N, C-alpha and C. Protein backbone atom coordinates (compact mmCIF):
# COMPACT_ATOMS: atom_id res chain seq x y z
N MET A 1 93.74 82.65 81.17
CA MET A 1 95.07 83.94 81.33
C MET A 1 95.93 83.63 82.34
N ALA A 2 97.81 83.24 81.81
CA ALA A 2 97.14 83.29 83.30
C ALA A 2 98.56 84.59 84.29
N LYS A 3 98.17 85.22 84.97
CA LYS A 3 98.86 86.22 85.64
C LYS A 3 99.66 86.12 86.02
N HIS A 4 100.23 88.03 86.45
CA HIS A 4 101.42 88.21 86.70
C HIS A 4 101.33 87.67 88.45
N VAL A 5 102.04 88.23 89.06
CA VAL A 5 102.07 88.06 90.75
C VAL A 5 102.69 89.16 91.65
N PHE A 6 102.48 89.97 91.86
CA PHE A 6 102.22 90.51 93.24
C PHE A 6 102.43 90.35 94.83
N TYR A 7 104.05 89.81 95.07
CA TYR A 7 103.56 90.08 96.49
C TYR A 7 104.09 91.23 97.82
N HIS A 8 103.81 90.97 98.46
CA HIS A 8 103.80 92.63 99.84
C HIS A 8 103.26 92.24 100.71
N ALA A 9 103.47 92.64 101.63
CA ALA A 9 103.16 92.94 102.61
C ALA A 9 102.44 94.56 104.07
N GLY A 10 101.84 94.59 102.89
CA GLY A 10 100.90 95.92 102.85
C GLY A 10 102.23 97.23 103.48
N CYS A 11 103.80 97.39 103.42
CA CYS A 11 104.34 98.23 103.90
C CYS A 11 103.75 99.54 103.11
N PRO A 12 104.31 100.63 103.48
CA PRO A 12 103.84 102.13 102.99
C PRO A 12 104.86 101.77 101.34
N VAL A 13 105.94 101.46 101.21
CA VAL A 13 106.90 100.92 100.12
C VAL A 13 105.82 99.87 99.26
N CYS A 14 105.62 99.24 100.31
CA CYS A 14 104.32 97.63 99.27
C CYS A 14 103.24 98.41 98.24
N VAL A 15 102.82 98.95 99.43
CA VAL A 15 101.60 99.96 98.66
C VAL A 15 101.29 101.04 97.86
N SER A 16 102.68 101.33 97.78
CA SER A 16 103.11 102.70 96.75
C SER A 16 103.04 101.65 95.54
N ALA A 17 103.93 100.62 95.39
CA ALA A 17 104.81 99.89 93.74
C ALA A 17 103.97 99.27 93.53
N GLU A 18 102.97 98.50 94.96
CA GLU A 18 101.76 98.15 93.71
C GLU A 18 100.36 98.97 93.08
N GLN A 19 100.25 100.62 93.49
CA GLN A 19 99.48 101.55 92.55
C GLN A 19 100.12 101.25 91.25
N ASP A 20 101.15 101.10 91.19
CA ASP A 20 101.94 101.22 89.99
C ASP A 20 102.05 100.64 89.50
N ILE A 21 102.16 99.13 89.79
CA ILE A 21 101.84 98.32 89.10
C ILE A 21 100.99 97.55 88.59
N VAL A 22 99.17 98.48 89.27
CA VAL A 22 98.57 98.13 88.56
C VAL A 22 98.11 99.24 87.63
N LYS A 23 98.82 100.34 87.48
CA LYS A 23 98.71 101.45 86.90
C LYS A 23 99.10 100.99 85.56
N LEU A 24 100.56 100.46 85.30
CA LEU A 24 101.40 100.12 84.54
C LEU A 24 101.21 99.08 83.93
N ILE A 25 100.37 98.13 84.37
CA ILE A 25 100.13 96.40 83.95
C ILE A 25 98.36 96.25 83.48
N GLY A 26 98.31 96.88 84.42
CA GLY A 26 96.43 96.48 84.56
C GLY A 26 95.76 95.26 85.97
N GLU A 27 94.78 95.74 86.38
CA GLU A 27 94.72 94.38 87.64
C GLU A 27 93.81 93.51 86.42
N ASP A 28 93.87 93.30 85.41
CA ASP A 28 93.11 92.46 84.97
C ASP A 28 94.51 91.25 84.86
N THR A 29 95.67 91.60 84.48
CA THR A 29 96.76 90.72 84.25
C THR A 29 97.34 90.81 85.69
N VAL A 30 97.69 90.82 87.41
CA VAL A 30 98.11 91.43 88.03
C VAL A 30 97.57 89.94 89.47
N GLU A 31 97.92 89.33 90.55
CA GLU A 31 97.20 88.84 91.23
C GLU A 31 97.88 90.16 92.32
N ILE A 32 97.46 90.52 93.00
CA ILE A 32 97.76 90.77 94.46
C ILE A 32 97.64 89.91 95.69
N VAL A 33 98.91 90.05 96.43
CA VAL A 33 98.83 88.87 97.50
C VAL A 33 99.93 89.88 98.01
N HIS A 34 98.28 89.69 99.38
CA HIS A 34 98.99 90.84 100.59
C HIS A 34 99.98 89.91 101.89
N LEU A 35 100.45 89.30 101.57
CA LEU A 35 101.47 87.72 103.08
C LEU A 35 100.73 88.67 104.05
N GLY A 36 101.15 89.57 104.37
CA GLY A 36 100.96 89.66 105.96
C GLY A 36 98.92 89.12 106.29
N ASP A 37 98.39 89.24 105.25
CA ASP A 37 97.15 89.12 105.36
C ASP A 37 96.69 87.44 104.36
N GLN A 38 98.14 87.00 103.85
CA GLN A 38 98.20 84.99 103.27
C GLN A 38 98.97 84.99 103.69
N LYS A 39 99.29 84.68 105.12
CA LYS A 39 100.33 84.27 105.30
C LYS A 39 100.78 82.91 104.52
N HIS A 40 99.97 81.87 104.39
CA HIS A 40 99.65 80.59 104.11
C HIS A 40 100.67 80.58 102.16
N ARG A 41 100.71 81.83 102.04
CA ARG A 41 100.78 82.01 100.77
C ARG A 41 103.09 82.14 100.71
N VAL A 42 103.11 82.06 101.24
CA VAL A 42 104.53 82.64 101.69
C VAL A 42 105.37 81.80 101.14
N ALA A 43 105.06 80.49 101.89
CA ALA A 43 106.33 79.87 101.16
C ALA A 43 105.93 79.12 99.71
N GLN A 44 105.00 79.63 99.15
CA GLN A 44 104.70 79.69 97.17
C GLN A 44 105.21 80.64 96.72
N ALA A 45 105.81 81.68 97.60
CA ALA A 45 107.07 82.93 97.13
C ALA A 45 107.91 82.28 97.13
N ASP A 46 107.68 81.91 98.36
CA ASP A 46 109.44 81.64 98.27
C ASP A 46 109.98 80.48 97.29
N LYS A 47 109.05 80.18 96.84
CA LYS A 47 109.47 78.22 96.07
C LYS A 47 109.06 79.86 94.39
N GLU A 48 108.81 79.90 94.69
CA GLU A 48 109.23 80.73 92.94
C GLU A 48 110.11 81.85 92.87
N GLY A 49 110.86 82.02 94.62
CA GLY A 49 111.91 83.07 94.12
C GLY A 49 112.57 84.07 95.07
N VAL A 50 110.81 84.96 95.60
CA VAL A 50 110.96 85.95 96.56
C VAL A 50 111.60 86.46 97.33
N LYS A 51 112.18 87.39 97.28
CA LYS A 51 113.81 87.15 98.50
C LYS A 51 113.68 88.32 99.18
N SER A 52 112.82 89.00 98.79
CA SER A 52 111.54 91.05 99.18
C SER A 52 111.10 90.86 99.20
N VAL A 53 110.23 91.11 99.28
CA VAL A 53 108.56 92.40 98.83
C VAL A 53 108.90 93.68 98.76
N PRO A 54 107.53 94.31 98.13
CA PRO A 54 107.18 94.42 96.81
C PRO A 54 108.06 93.13 96.45
N ALA A 55 107.73 92.34 94.87
CA ALA A 55 108.32 92.06 94.44
C ALA A 55 107.03 91.57 93.53
N LEU A 56 107.95 91.12 92.00
CA LEU A 56 106.73 91.18 91.04
C LEU A 56 107.09 89.31 90.03
N VAL A 57 106.57 88.72 90.79
CA VAL A 57 106.35 86.81 89.53
C VAL A 57 105.92 87.49 88.72
N LEU A 58 106.21 87.47 87.50
CA LEU A 58 106.00 87.03 85.75
C LEU A 58 105.63 85.57 86.13
N GLU A 59 104.61 86.14 84.90
CA GLU A 59 103.96 84.85 84.62
C GLU A 59 105.26 83.87 83.63
N GLY A 60 106.42 84.29 83.11
CA GLY A 60 107.34 83.78 82.02
C GLY A 60 108.33 82.48 83.85
N GLY A 61 107.85 82.97 85.09
CA GLY A 61 108.67 83.47 86.59
C GLY A 61 109.89 84.02 86.86
N ASN A 62 109.89 85.11 85.73
CA ASN A 62 111.25 85.73 86.11
C ASN A 62 110.88 87.20 87.63
N VAL A 63 111.24 86.85 88.67
CA VAL A 63 110.93 87.65 89.11
C VAL A 63 112.16 88.77 89.68
N LEU A 64 110.77 90.07 89.80
CA LEU A 64 111.44 91.53 89.56
C LEU A 64 111.19 91.83 91.20
N HIS A 65 112.29 91.61 92.49
CA HIS A 65 112.33 92.69 93.10
C HIS A 65 112.64 94.55 92.78
N ILE A 66 111.60 94.68 93.40
CA ILE A 66 110.85 95.86 93.44
C ILE A 66 111.12 96.48 94.81
N ASN A 67 112.33 97.92 94.60
CA ASN A 67 112.59 99.30 95.84
C ASN A 67 113.05 98.06 97.25
N PHE A 68 112.20 97.51 98.47
CA PHE A 68 113.25 96.96 99.06
C PHE A 68 112.31 97.21 100.71
N GLY A 69 111.14 96.57 100.54
CA GLY A 69 109.51 96.60 102.20
C GLY A 69 110.57 95.80 102.82
N ALA A 70 110.31 94.61 102.64
CA ALA A 70 110.46 93.95 104.06
C ALA A 70 111.33 92.30 103.43
N SER A 71 112.30 91.10 104.15
CA SER A 71 112.78 90.55 103.58
C SER A 71 111.60 88.85 103.89
N LEU A 72 111.39 87.91 103.48
CA LEU A 72 110.77 87.06 103.27
C LEU A 72 110.74 86.35 104.10
N GLU A 73 111.92 85.60 104.69
CA GLU A 73 112.45 85.34 105.80
C GLU A 73 111.96 86.19 106.96
N ASP A 74 111.75 88.10 107.25
CA ASP A 74 110.78 88.00 108.59
C ASP A 74 109.32 87.85 107.72
N LEU A 75 108.67 87.24 106.94
CA LEU A 75 107.38 86.95 106.77
C LEU A 75 106.94 85.78 106.76
N LYS A 76 108.12 85.25 107.13
CA LYS A 76 107.82 83.27 107.66
C LYS A 76 108.05 83.26 109.25
N ASN A 77 107.89 84.30 110.21
CA ASN A 77 108.35 83.69 112.03
C ASN A 77 106.40 84.43 112.19
């Protein structure tokens, strides 16, 4: 089964959004990716169209940017 991917950077805005997303759609349907801990996934997030985190990439490819915690550009450094 394909999953949605939730990207975040560990900031309070991101952690709060993560908790809400998991409650809303269930932890078994979403992969949580902490880009601060998984720097190798930043390029993947960029390729998928993520511009800032927190962001939810739906299994169909649409990107939902949720609030604003950090720019993806800031995470590339």
